Amino acid sequence: MQVYNVKWTNDAYLDLDAIIGYIYEENPLNAKTMYLGIKEQCLTLEHFPFRGRTVPELKPLGYSHYRELIYKRWRIIYSIEEYRVYLLLIIDSRQDIQEQLVQRILNYEL
């Protein structure tokens, strides 16, 4: 079985840091649990990178190569290139994110 190299972009790290920092202020134990859960979800992509669905907001725009995992209320957006998975951003799914998602994803177009 091929193992994919999971790489975090700076934006994804900043998103995770902001999420955990916000949760930590209210409940440090929950912040740790959330951090470990998100990291674990991302690590599953080493062996199963195609398990996430295509990002629904981007597919009609012709960007069907972006995928996402859902963990609790967080959308983990990533792309796959050869044997690498690039974690691009982590967004709260309760927000209206279409505009933000499109603008941020377009920064990663190669």
PDB file of N, CA and C in Angstrom:
ATOM      1  N   MET A   1       0.840  -1.185   0.000  1.00  0.00           N
ATOM      2  CA  MET A   1       0.000   0.000   0.000  1.00  0.00           C
ATOM      3  C   MET A   1       0.884   1.248   0.000  1.00  0.00           C
ATOM      4  N   GLN A   2       0.567   2.169  -0.902  1.00  0.00           N
ATOM      5  CA  GLN A   2       1.318   3.429  -1.005  1.00  0.00           C
ATOM      6  C   GLN A   2       1.026   4.315   0.196  1.00  0.00           C
ATOM      7  N   VAL A   3       2.070   4.904   0.740  1.00  0.00           N
ATOM      8  CA  VAL A   3       1.924   5.861   1.829  1.00  0.00           C
ATOM      9  C   VAL A   3       2.128   7.258   1.257  1.00  0.00           C
ATOM     10  N   TYR A   4       1.192   8.133   1.545  1.00  0.00           N
ATOM     11  CA  TYR A   4       1.250   9.515   1.075  1.00  0.00           C
ATOM     12  C   TYR A   4       1.893  10.383   2.151  1.00  0.00           C
ATOM     13  N   ASN A   5       2.632  11.371   1.707  1.00  0.00           N
ATOM     14  CA  ASN A   5       3.279  12.318   2.613  1.00  0.00           C
ATOM     15  C   ASN A   5       2.303  13.470   2.870  1.00  0.00           C
ATOM     16  N   VAL A   6       1.878  13.647   4.122  1.00  0.00           N
ATOM     17  CA  VAL A   6       0.927  14.703   4.468  1.00  0.00           C
ATOM     18  C   VAL A   6       1.710  15.941   4.875  1.00  0.00           C
ATOM     19  N   LYS A   7       1.460  17.026   4.147  1.00  0.00           N
ATOM     20  CA  LYS A   7       2.173  18.279   4.402  1.00  0.00           C
ATOM     21  C   LYS A   7       1.174  19.366   4.806  1.00  0.00           C
ATOM     22  N   TRP A   8       1.518  20.092   5.860  1.00  0.00           N
ATOM     23  CA  TRP A   8       0.699  21.206   6.347  1.00  0.00           C
ATOM     24  C   TRP A   8       1.176  22.502   5.708  1.00  0.00           C
ATOM     25  N   THR A   9       0.253  23.267   5.146  1.00  0.00           N
ATOM     26  CA  THR A   9       0.600  24.602   4.677  1.00  0.00           C
ATOM     27  C   THR A   9       0.589  25.545   5.879  1.00  0.00           C
ATOM     28  N   ASN A  10       1.193  26.692   5.704  1.00  0.00           N
ATOM     29  CA  ASN A  10       1.201  27.694   6.766  1.00  0.00           C
ATOM     30  C   ASN A  10      -0.218  28.104   7.151  1.00  0.00           C
ATOM     31  N   ASP A  11      -1.099  28.265   6.169  1.00  0.00           N
ATOM     32  CA  ASP A  11      -2.485  28.637   6.455  1.00  0.00           C
ATOM     33  C   ASP A  11      -3.191  27.583   7.305  1.00  0.00           C
ATOM     34  N   ALA A  12      -2.967  26.323   7.002  1.00  0.00           N
ATOM     35  CA  ALA A  12      -3.598  25.258   7.788  1.00  0.00           C
ATOM     36  C   ALA A  12      -3.095  25.280   9.230  1.00  0.00           C
ATOM     37  N   TYR A  13      -1.776  25.487   9.416  1.00  0.00           N
ATOM     38  CA  TYR A  13      -1.239  25.606  10.776  1.00  0.00           C
ATOM     39  C   TYR A  13      -1.845  26.795  11.517  1.00  0.00           C
ATOM     40  N   LEU A  14      -1.969  27.926  10.822  1.00  0.00           N
ATOM     41  CA  LEU A  14      -2.553  29.113  11.452  1.00  0.00           C
ATOM     42  C   LEU A  14      -4.017  28.878  11.809  1.00  0.00           C
ATOM     43  N   ASP A  15      -4.756  28.197  10.934  1.00  0.00           N
ATOM     44  CA  ASP A  15      -6.150  27.876  11.233  1.00  0.00           C
ATOM     45  C   ASP A  15      -6.245  27.003  12.476  1.00  0.00           C
ATOM     46  N   LEU A  16      -5.413  25.952  12.517  1.00  0.00           N
ATOM     47  CA  LEU A  16      -5.449  25.047  13.669  1.00  0.00           C
ATOM     48  C   LEU A  16      -5.076  25.783  14.947  1.00  0.00           C
ATOM     49  N   ASP A  17      -4.074  26.625  14.881  1.00  0.00           N
ATOM     50  CA  ASP A  17      -3.650  27.397  16.046  1.00  0.00           C
ATOM     51  C   ASP A  17      -4.777  28.305  16.547  1.00  0.00           C
ATOM     52  N   ALA A  18      -5.466  28.958  15.635  1.00  0.00           N
ATOM     53  CA  ALA A  18      -6.569  29.845  16.015  1.00  0.00           C
ATOM     54  C   ALA A  18      -7.724  29.059  16.639  1.00  0.00           C
ATOM     55  N   ILE A  19      -8.038  27.917  16.059  1.00  0.00           N
ATOM     56  CA  ILE A  19      -9.116  27.072  16.590  1.00  0.00           C
ATOM     57  C   ILE A  19      -8.790  26.623  18.003  1.00  0.00           C
ATOM     58  N   ILE A  20      -7.597  26.078  18.177  1.00  0.00           N
ATOM     59  CA  ILE A  20      -7.211  25.550  19.485  1.00  0.00           C
ATOM     60  C   ILE A  20      -7.078  26.681  20.502  1.00  0.00           C
ATOM     61  N   GLY A  21      -6.535  27.813  20.098  1.00  0.00           N
ATOM     62  CA  GLY A  21      -6.424  28.958  21.011  1.00  0.00           C
ATOM     63  C   GLY A  21      -7.774  29.429  21.494  1.00  0.00           C
ATOM     64  N   TYR A  22      -8.748  29.490  20.602  1.00  0.00           N
ATOM     65  CA  TYR A  22     -10.093  29.923  20.970  1.00  0.00           C
ATOM     66  C   TYR A  22     -10.740  28.941  21.954  1.00  0.00           C
ATOM     67  N   ILE A  23     -10.644  27.657  21.642  1.00  0.00           N
ATOM     68  CA  ILE A  23     -11.230  26.635  22.514  1.00  0.00           C
ATOM     69  C   ILE A  23     -10.520  26.607  23.864  1.00  0.00           C
ATOM     70  N   TYR A  24      -9.201  26.791  23.846  1.00  0.00           N
ATOM     71  CA  TYR A  24      -8.398  26.726  25.074  1.00  0.00           C
ATOM     72  C   TYR A  24      -8.857  27.751  26.112  1.00  0.00           C
ATOM     73  N   GLU A  25      -9.253  28.928  25.657  1.00  0.00           N
ATOM     74  CA  GLU A  25      -9.697  29.963  26.590  1.00  0.00           C
ATOM     75  C   GLU A  25     -10.904  29.524  27.400  1.00  0.00           C
ATOM     76  N   GLU A  26     -11.762  28.711  26.819  1.00  0.00           N
ATOM     77  CA  GLU A  26     -12.967  28.237  27.502  1.00  0.00           C
ATOM     78  C   GLU A  26     -12.735  26.908  28.226  1.00  0.00           C
ATOM     79  N   ASN A  27     -11.946  26.017  27.594  1.00  0.00           N
ATOM     80  CA  ASN A  27     -11.801  24.675  28.143  1.00  0.00           C
ATOM     81  C   ASN A  27     -10.496  24.040  27.646  1.00  0.00           C
ATOM     82  N   PRO A  28      -9.430  24.151  28.436  1.00  0.00           N
ATOM     83  CA  PRO A  28      -8.134  23.611  28.002  1.00  0.00           C
ATOM     84  C   PRO A  28      -8.161  22.118  27.664  1.00  0.00           C
ATOM     85  N   LEU A  29      -8.910  21.338  28.428  1.00  0.00           N
ATOM     86  CA  LEU A  29      -8.966  19.906  28.166  1.00  0.00           C
ATOM     87  C   LEU A  29      -9.644  19.625  26.827  1.00  0.00           C
ATOM     88  N   ASN A  30     -10.716  20.350  26.542  1.00  0.00           N
ATOM     89  CA  ASN A  30     -11.398  20.193  25.260  1.00  0.00           C
ATOM     90  C   ASN A  30     -10.492  20.630  24.107  1.00  0.00           C
ATOM     91  N   ALA A  31      -9.691  21.655  24.326  1.00  0.00           N
ATOM     92  CA  ALA A  31      -8.761  22.113  23.294  1.00  0.00           C
ATOM     93  C   ALA A  31      -7.762  21.012  22.943  1.00  0.00           C
ATOM     94  N   LYS A  32      -7.261  20.341  23.955  1.00  0.00           N
ATOM     95  CA  LYS A  32      -6.308  19.253  23.712  1.00  0.00           C
ATOM     96  C   LYS A  32      -6.978  18.113  22.945  1.00  0.00           C
ATOM     97  N   THR A  33      -8.187  17.767  23.343  1.00  0.00           N
ATOM     98  CA  THR A  33      -8.928  16.705  22.670  1.00  0.00           C
ATOM     99  C   THR A  33      -9.187  17.062  21.210  1.00  0.00           C
ATOM    100  N   MET A  34      -9.578  18.317  20.975  1.00  0.00           N
ATOM    101  CA  MET A  34      -9.856  18.772  19.614  1.00  0.00           C
ATOM    102  C   MET A  34      -8.578  18.755  18.770  1.00  0.00           C
ATOM    103  N   TYR A  35      -7.481  19.226  19.339  1.00  0.00           N
ATOM    104  CA  TYR A  35      -6.193  19.234  18.637  1.00  0.00           C
ATOM    105  C   TYR A  35      -5.810  17.815  18.209  1.00  0.00           C
ATOM    106  N   LEU A  36      -5.874  16.890  19.150  1.00  0.00           N
ATOM    107  CA  LEU A  36      -5.510  15.507  18.840  1.00  0.00           C
ATOM    108  C   LEU A  36      -6.443  14.895  17.808  1.00  0.00           C
ATOM    109  N   GLY A  37      -7.732  15.221  17.892  1.00  0.00           N
ATOM    110  CA  GLY A  37      -8.701  14.693  16.936  1.00  0.00           C
ATOM    111  C   GLY A  37      -8.451  15.189  15.522  1.00  0.00           C
ATOM    112  N   ILE A  38      -8.196  16.480  15.381  1.00  0.00           N
ATOM    113  CA  ILE A  38      -7.927  17.041  14.057  1.00  0.00           C
ATOM    114  C   ILE A  38      -6.634  16.460  13.489  1.00  0.00           C
ATOM    115  N   LYS A  39      -5.596  16.389  14.313  1.00  0.00           N
ATOM    116  CA  LYS A  39      -4.322  15.828  13.837  1.00  0.00           C
ATOM    117  C   LYS A  39      -4.491  14.362  13.416  1.00  0.00           C
ATOM    118  N   GLU A  40      -5.265  13.605  14.190  1.00  0.00           N
ATOM    119  CA  GLU A  40      -5.493  12.199  13.857  1.00  0.00           C
ATOM    120  C   GLU A  40      -6.231  12.059  12.528  1.00  0.00           C
ATOM    121  N   GLN A  41      -7.242  12.898  12.315  1.00  0.00           N
ATOM    122  CA  GLN A  41      -7.963  12.876  11.038  1.00  0.00           C
ATOM    123  C   GLN A  41      -7.012  13.130   9.876  1.00  0.00           C
ATOM    124  N   CYS A  42      -6.149  14.105  10.052  1.00  0.00           N
ATOM    125  CA  CYS A  42      -5.194  14.447   8.992  1.00  0.00           C
ATOM    126  C   CYS A  42      -4.213  13.312   8.726  1.00  0.00           C
ATOM    127  N   LEU A  43      -3.804  12.629   9.764  1.00  0.00           N
ATOM    128  CA  LEU A  43      -2.865  11.519   9.589  1.00  0.00           C
ATOM    129  C   LEU A  43      -3.474  10.343   8.833  1.00  0.00           C
ATOM    130  N   THR A  44      -4.802  10.187   8.898  1.00  0.00           N
ATOM    131  CA  THR A  44      -5.429   9.087   8.158  1.00  0.00           C
ATOM    132  C   THR A  44      -5.235   9.248   6.658  1.00  0.00           C
ATOM    133  N   LEU A  45      -4.939  10.469   6.235  1.00  0.00           N
ATOM    134  CA  LEU A  45      -4.741  10.725   4.806  1.00  0.00           C
ATOM    135  C   LEU A  45      -3.456  10.095   4.279  1.00  0.00           C
ATOM    136  N   GLU A  46      -2.554   9.699   5.170  1.00  0.00           N
ATOM    137  CA  GLU A  46      -1.336   9.003   4.731  1.00  0.00           C
ATOM    138  C   GLU A  46      -1.680   7.728   3.961  1.00  0.00           C
ATOM    139  N   HIS A  47      -2.721   7.041   4.404  1.00  0.00           N
ATOM    140  CA  HIS A  47      -3.097   5.763   3.801  1.00  0.00           C
ATOM    141  C   HIS A  47      -4.376   5.840   2.971  1.00  0.00           C
ATOM    142  N   PHE A  48      -5.228   6.822   3.262  1.00  0.00           N
ATOM    143  CA  PHE A  48      -6.518   6.923   2.576  1.00  0.00           C
ATOM    144  C   PHE A  48      -6.788   8.356   2.120  1.00  0.00           C
ATOM    145  N   PRO A  49      -5.990   8.884   1.207  1.00  0.00           N
ATOM    146  CA  PRO A  49      -6.141  10.285   0.812  1.00  0.00           C
ATOM    147  C   PRO A  49      -7.427  10.584   0.042  1.00  0.00           C
ATOM    148  N   PHE A  50      -8.024   9.567  -0.562  1.00  0.00           N
ATOM    149  CA  PHE A  50      -9.231   9.801  -1.364  1.00  0.00           C
ATOM    150  C   PHE A  50     -10.513   9.571  -0.573  1.00  0.00           C
ATOM    151  N   ARG A  51     -10.394   9.417   0.726  1.00  0.00           N
ATOM    152  CA  ARG A  51     -11.582   9.158   1.538  1.00  0.00           C
ATOM    153  C   ARG A  51     -12.454  10.388   1.699  1.00  0.00           C
ATOM    154  N   GLY A  52     -11.882  11.564   1.585  1.00  0.00           N
ATOM    155  CA  GLY A  52     -12.660  12.794   1.720  1.00  0.00           C
ATOM    156  C   GLY A  52     -13.468  13.083   0.460  1.00  0.00           C
ATOM    157  N   ARG A  53     -14.549  13.808   0.651  1.00  0.00           N
ATOM    158  CA  ARG A  53     -15.403  14.163  -0.488  1.00  0.00           C
ATOM    159  C   ARG A  53     -14.840  15.381  -1.219  1.00  0.00           C
ATOM    160  N   THR A  54     -15.283  15.568  -2.452  1.00  0.00           N
ATOM    161  CA  THR A  54     -14.955  16.773  -3.207  1.00  0.00           C
ATOM    162  C   THR A  54     -15.649  17.948  -2.521  1.00  0.00           C
ATOM    163  N   VAL A  55     -14.987  19.094  -2.443  1.00  0.00           N
ATOM    164  CA  VAL A  55     -15.562  20.271  -1.791  1.00  0.00           C
ATOM    165  C   VAL A  55     -16.758  20.752  -2.618  1.00  0.00           C
ATOM    166  N   PRO A  56     -17.988  20.682  -2.060  1.00  0.00           N
ATOM    167  CA  PRO A  56     -19.182  20.980  -2.851  1.00  0.00           C
ATOM    168  C   PRO A  56     -19.236  22.396  -3.416  1.00  0.00           C
ATOM    169  N   GLU A  57     -18.733  23.386  -2.712  1.00  0.00           N
ATOM    170  CA  GLU A  57     -18.770  24.771  -3.179  1.00  0.00           C
ATOM    171  C   GLU A  57     -17.828  25.021  -4.351  1.00  0.00           C
ATOM    172  N   LEU A  58     -16.797  24.192  -4.469  1.00  0.00           N
ATOM    173  CA  LEU A  58     -15.799  24.398  -5.519  1.00  0.00           C
ATOM    174  C   LEU A  58     -16.060  23.572  -6.774  1.00  0.00           C
ATOM    175  N   LYS A  59     -16.740  22.468  -6.630  1.00  0.00           N
ATOM    176  CA  LYS A  59     -16.969  21.569  -7.769  1.00  0.00           C
ATOM    177  C   LYS A  59     -17.677  22.267  -8.933  1.00  0.00           C
ATOM    178  N   PRO A  60     -18.758  23.058  -8.707  1.00  0.00           N
ATOM    179  CA  PRO A  60     -19.407  23.742  -9.835  1.00  0.00           C
ATOM    180  C   PRO A  60     -18.511  24.761 -10.529  1.00  0.00           C
ATOM    181  N   LEU A  61     -17.462  25.210  -9.840  1.00  0.00           N
ATOM    182  CA  LEU A  61     -16.530  26.175 -10.418  1.00  0.00           C
ATOM    183  C   LEU A  61     -15.389  25.495 -11.169  1.00  0.00           C
ATOM    184  N   GLY A  62     -15.429  24.165 -11.211  1.00  0.00           N
ATOM    185  CA  GLY A  62     -14.412  23.416 -11.939  1.00  0.00           C
ATOM    186  C   GLY A  62     -13.210  23.017 -11.105  1.00  0.00           C
ATOM    187  N   TYR A  63     -13.289  23.174  -9.802  1.00  0.00           N
ATOM    188  CA  TYR A  63     -12.179  22.813  -8.912  1.00  0.00           C
ATOM    189  C   TYR A  63     -12.502  21.508  -8.206  1.00  0.00           C
ATOM    190  N   SER A  64     -12.558  20.440  -8.938  1.00  0.00           N
ATOM    191  CA  SER A  64     -12.954  19.152  -8.357  1.00  0.00           C
ATOM    192  C   SER A  64     -11.783  18.388  -7.745  1.00  0.00           C
ATOM    193  N   HIS A  65     -10.588  18.940  -7.803  1.00  0.00           N
ATOM    194  CA  HIS A  65      -9.433  18.227  -7.239  1.00  0.00           C
ATOM    195  C   HIS A  65      -9.195  18.576  -5.763  1.00  0.00           C
ATOM    196  N   TYR A  66     -10.035  19.430  -5.196  1.00  0.00           N
ATOM    197  CA  TYR A  66      -9.938  19.720  -3.763  1.00  0.00           C
ATOM    198  C   TYR A  66     -10.912  18.831  -3.009  1.00  0.00           C
ATOM    199  N   ARG A  67     -10.429  18.287  -1.917  1.00  0.00           N
ATOM    200  CA  ARG A  67     -11.226  17.362  -1.121  1.00  0.00           C
ATOM    201  C   ARG A  67     -11.303  17.875   0.303  1.00  0.00           C
ATOM    202  N   GLU A  68     -12.197  17.263   1.084  1.00  0.00           N
ATOM    203  CA  GLU A  68     -12.321  17.672   2.475  1.00  0.00           C
ATOM    204  C   GLU A  68     -12.719  16.504   3.359  1.00  0.00           C
ATOM    205  N   LEU A  69     -12.233  16.589   4.581  1.00  0.00           N
ATOM    206  CA  LEU A  69     -12.676  15.714   5.658  1.00  0.00           C
ATOM    207  C   LEU A  69     -13.488  16.586   6.610  1.00  0.00           C
ATOM    208  N   ILE A  70     -14.469  15.984   7.227  1.00  0.00           N
ATOM    209  CA  ILE A  70     -15.251  16.686   8.243  1.00  0.00           C
ATOM    210  C   ILE A  70     -14.895  16.076   9.587  1.00  0.00           C
ATOM    211  N   TYR A  71     -14.484  16.924  10.515  1.00  0.00           N
ATOM    212  CA  TYR A  71     -14.236  16.471  11.883  1.00  0.00           C
ATOM    213  C   TYR A  71     -15.019  17.393  12.808  1.00  0.00           C
ATOM    214  N   LYS A  72     -16.030  16.818  13.449  1.00  0.00           N
ATOM    215  CA  LYS A  72     -16.947  17.581  14.289  1.00  0.00           C
ATOM    216  C   LYS A  72     -17.493  18.736  13.458  1.00  0.00           C
ATOM    217  N   ARG A  73     -17.206  19.973  13.797  1.00  0.00           N
ATOM    218  CA  ARG A  73     -17.734  21.092  13.004  1.00  0.00           C
ATOM    219  C   ARG A  73     -16.688  21.699  12.060  1.00  0.00           C
ATOM    220  N   TRP A  74     -15.564  21.046  11.907  1.00  0.00           N
ATOM    221  CA  TRP A  74     -14.455  21.596  11.124  1.00  0.00           C
ATOM    222  C   TRP A  74     -14.338  20.896   9.783  1.00  0.00           C
ATOM    223  N   ARG A  75     -14.094  21.690   8.768  1.00  0.00           N
ATOM    224  CA  ARG A  75     -13.846  21.181   7.421  1.00  0.00           C
ATOM    225  C   ARG A  75     -12.350  21.297   7.159  1.00  0.00           C
ATOM    226  N   ILE A  76     -11.714  20.176   6.907  1.00  0.00           N
ATOM    227  CA  ILE A  76     -10.287  20.116   6.637  1.00  0.00           C
ATOM    228  C   ILE A  76     -10.132  19.978   5.123  1.00  0.00           C
ATOM    229  N   ILE A  77      -9.684  21.052   4.480  1.00  0.00           N
ATOM    230  CA  ILE A  77      -9.594  21.104   3.022  1.00  0.00           C
ATOM    231  C   ILE A  77      -8.172  20.744   2.598  1.00  0.00           C
ATOM    232  N   TYR A  78      -8.067  19.876   1.604  1.00  0.00           N
ATOM    233  CA  TYR A  78      -6.745  19.430   1.151  1.00  0.00           C
ATOM    234  C   TYR A  78      -6.757  19.125  -0.340  1.00  0.00           C
ATOM    235  N   SER A  79      -5.565  18.993  -0.883  1.00  0.00           N
ATOM    236  CA  SER A  79      -5.414  18.557  -2.270  1.00  0.00           C
ATOM    237  C   SER A  79      -4.376  17.443  -2.307  1.00  0.00           C
ATOM    238  N   ILE A  80      -4.435  16.674  -3.360  1.00  0.00           N
ATOM    239  CA  ILE A  80      -3.514  15.550  -3.543  1.00  0.00           C
ATOM    240  C   ILE A  80      -2.719  15.796  -4.813  1.00  0.00           C
ATOM    241  N   GLU A  81      -1.408  15.650  -4.677  1.00  0.00           N
ATOM    242  CA  GLU A  81      -0.523  15.831  -5.827  1.00  0.00           C
ATOM    243  C   GLU A  81       0.505  14.713  -5.787  1.00  0.00           C
ATOM    244  N   GLU A  82       0.445  13.836  -6.772  1.00  0.00           N
ATOM    245  CA  GLU A  82       1.285  12.643  -6.804  1.00  0.00           C
ATOM    246  C   GLU A  82       1.104  11.882  -5.492  1.00  0.00           C
ATOM    247  N   TYR A  83       2.154  11.720  -4.702  1.00  0.00           N
ATOM    248  CA  TYR A  83       2.023  10.987  -3.439  1.00  0.00           C
ATOM    249  C   TYR A  83       2.141  11.923  -2.240  1.00  0.00           C
ATOM    250  N   ARG A  84       1.647  13.147  -2.432  1.00  0.00           N
ATOM    251  CA  ARG A  84       1.640  14.134  -1.351  1.00  0.00           C
ATOM    252  C   ARG A  84       0.225  14.657  -1.148  1.00  0.00           C
ATOM    253  N   VAL A  85      -0.124  14.852   0.106  1.00  0.00           N
ATOM    254  CA  VAL A  85      -1.389  15.473   0.477  1.00  0.00           C
ATOM    255  C   VAL A  85      -1.040  16.812   1.104  1.00  0.00           C
ATOM    256  N   TYR A  86      -1.614  17.881   0.567  1.00  0.00           N
ATOM    257  CA  TYR A  86      -1.375  19.225   1.102  1.00  0.00           C
ATOM    258  C   TYR A  86      -2.606  19.680   1.867  1.00  0.00           C
ATOM    259  N   LEU A  87      -2.432  19.841   3.179  1.00  0.00           N
ATOM    260  CA  LEU A  87      -3.510  20.375   4.003  1.00  0.00           C
ATOM    261  C   LEU A  87      -3.516  21.884   3.800  1.00  0.00           C
ATOM    262  N   LEU A  88      -4.631  22.412   3.311  1.00  0.00           N
ATOM    263  CA  LEU A  88      -4.684  23.808   2.898  1.00  0.00           C
ATOM    264  C   LEU A  88      -5.321  24.722   3.931  1.00  0.00           C
ATOM    265  N   LEU A  89      -6.431  24.297   4.493  1.00  0.00           N
ATOM    266  CA  LEU A  89      -7.106  25.131   5.486  1.00  0.00           C
ATOM    267  C   LEU A  89      -8.088  24.320   6.300  1.00  0.00           C
ATOM    268  N   ILE A  90      -8.454  24.867   7.439  1.00  0.00           N
ATOM    269  CA  ILE A  90      -9.431  24.258   8.327  1.00  0.00           C
ATOM    270  C   ILE A  90     -10.451  25.348   8.649  1.00  0.00           C
ATOM    271  N   ILE A  91     -11.717  25.078   8.315  1.00  0.00           N
ATOM    272  CA  ILE A  91     -12.757  26.094   8.412  1.00  0.00           C
ATOM    273  C   ILE A  91     -13.927  25.572   9.242  1.00  0.00           C
ATOM    274  N   ASP A  92     -14.528  26.465  10.008  1.00  0.00           N
ATOM    275  CA  ASP A  92     -15.724  26.147  10.782  1.00  0.00           C
ATOM    276  C   ASP A  92     -16.894  25.976   9.805  1.00  0.00           C
ATOM    277  N   SER A  93     -17.531  24.833   9.837  1.00  0.00           N
ATOM    278  CA  SER A  93     -18.597  24.538   8.882  1.00  0.00           C
ATOM    279  C   SER A  93     -19.901  25.263   9.184  1.00  0.00           C
ATOM    280  N   ARG A  94     -20.012  25.917  10.323  1.00  0.00           N
ATOM    281  CA  ARG A  94     -21.247  26.626  10.670  1.00  0.00           C
ATOM    282  C   ARG A  94     -21.323  27.994  10.000  1.00  0.00           C
ATOM    283  N   GLN A  95     -20.231  28.465   9.457  1.00  0.00           N
ATOM    284  CA  GLN A  95     -20.208  29.771   8.820  1.00  0.00           C
ATOM    285  C   GLN A  95     -20.542  29.665   7.333  1.00  0.00           C
ATOM    286  N   ASP A  96     -21.012  30.772   6.770  1.00  0.00           N
ATOM    287  CA  ASP A  96     -21.197  30.848   5.323  1.00  0.00           C
ATOM    288  C   ASP A  96     -19.813  31.104   4.741  1.00  0.00           C
ATOM    289  N   ILE A  97     -19.242  30.087   4.169  1.00  0.00           N
ATOM    290  CA  ILE A  97     -17.821  30.172   3.832  1.00  0.00           C
ATOM    291  C   ILE A  97     -17.516  30.170   2.350  1.00  0.00           C
ATOM    292  N   GLN A  98     -18.521  30.168   1.511  1.00  0.00           N
ATOM    293  CA  GLN A  98     -18.249  30.017   0.082  1.00  0.00           C
ATOM    294  C   GLN A  98     -17.258  31.056  -0.435  1.00  0.00           C
ATOM    295  N   GLU A  99     -17.495  32.329  -0.155  1.00  0.00           N
ATOM    296  CA  GLU A  99     -16.595  33.384  -0.632  1.00  0.00           C
ATOM    297  C   GLU A  99     -15.182  33.212  -0.073  1.00  0.00           C
ATOM    298  N   GLN A 100     -15.085  32.981   1.235  1.00  0.00           N
ATOM    299  CA  GLN A 100     -13.775  32.806   1.873  1.00  0.00           C
ATOM    300  C   GLN A 100     -13.062  31.585   1.309  1.00  0.00           C
ATOM    301  N   LEU A 101     -13.800  30.517   1.141  1.00  0.00           N
ATOM    302  CA  LEU A 101     -13.220  29.280   0.640  1.00  0.00           C
ATOM    303  C   LEU A 101     -12.668  29.472  -0.765  1.00  0.00           C
ATOM    304  N   VAL A 102     -13.431  30.078  -1.634  1.00  0.00           N
ATOM    305  CA  VAL A 102     -12.987  30.279  -3.018  1.00  0.00           C
ATOM    306  C   VAL A 102     -11.746  31.168  -3.044  1.00  0.00           C
ATOM    307  N   GLN A 103     -11.756  32.276  -2.297  1.00  0.00           N
ATOM    308  CA  GLN A 103     -10.602  33.179  -2.299  1.00  0.00           C
ATOM    309  C   GLN A 103      -9.344  32.495  -1.763  1.00  0.00           C
ATOM    310  N   ARG A 104      -9.478  31.768  -0.675  1.00  0.00           N
ATOM    311  CA  ARG A 104      -8.296  31.121  -0.091  1.00  0.00           C
ATOM    312  C   ARG A 104      -7.788  29.986  -0.959  1.00  0.00           C
ATOM    313  N   ILE A 105      -8.689  29.204  -1.530  1.00  0.00           N
ATOM    314  CA  ILE A 105      -8.277  28.076  -2.369  1.00  0.00           C
ATOM    315  C   ILE A 105      -7.576  28.582  -3.637  1.00  0.00           C
ATOM    316  N   LEU A 106      -8.070  29.665  -4.211  1.00  0.00           N
ATOM    317  CA  LEU A 106      -7.456  30.168  -5.433  1.00  0.00           C
ATOM    318  C   LEU A 106      -5.996  30.557  -5.227  1.00  0.00           C
ATOM    319  N   ASN A 107      -5.602  30.858  -4.003  1.00  0.00           N
ATOM    320  CA  ASN A 107      -4.196  31.156  -3.704  1.00  0.00           C
ATOM    321  C   ASN A 107      -3.304  29.935  -3.876  1.00  0.00           C
ATOM    322  N   TYR A 108      -3.877  28.742  -3.869  1.00  0.00           N
ATOM    323  CA  TYR A 108      -3.081  27.519  -3.977  1.00  0.00           C
ATOM    324  C   TYR A 108      -3.040  26.957  -5.383  1.00  0.00           C
ATOM    325  N   GLU A 109      -3.740  27.589  -6.311  1.00  0.00           N
ATOM    326  CA  GLU A 109      -3.701  27.103  -7.688  1.00  0.00           C
ATOM    327  C   GLU A 109      -2.278  27.172  -8.219  1.00  0.00           C
ATOM    328  N   LEU A 110      -1.851  26.135  -8.830  1.00  0.00           N
ATOM    329  CA  LEU A 110      -0.492  26.051  -9.380  1.00  0.00           C
ATOM    330  C   LEU A 110      -0.470  26.387 -10.850  1.00  0.00           C
TER     331      LEU A 110
END
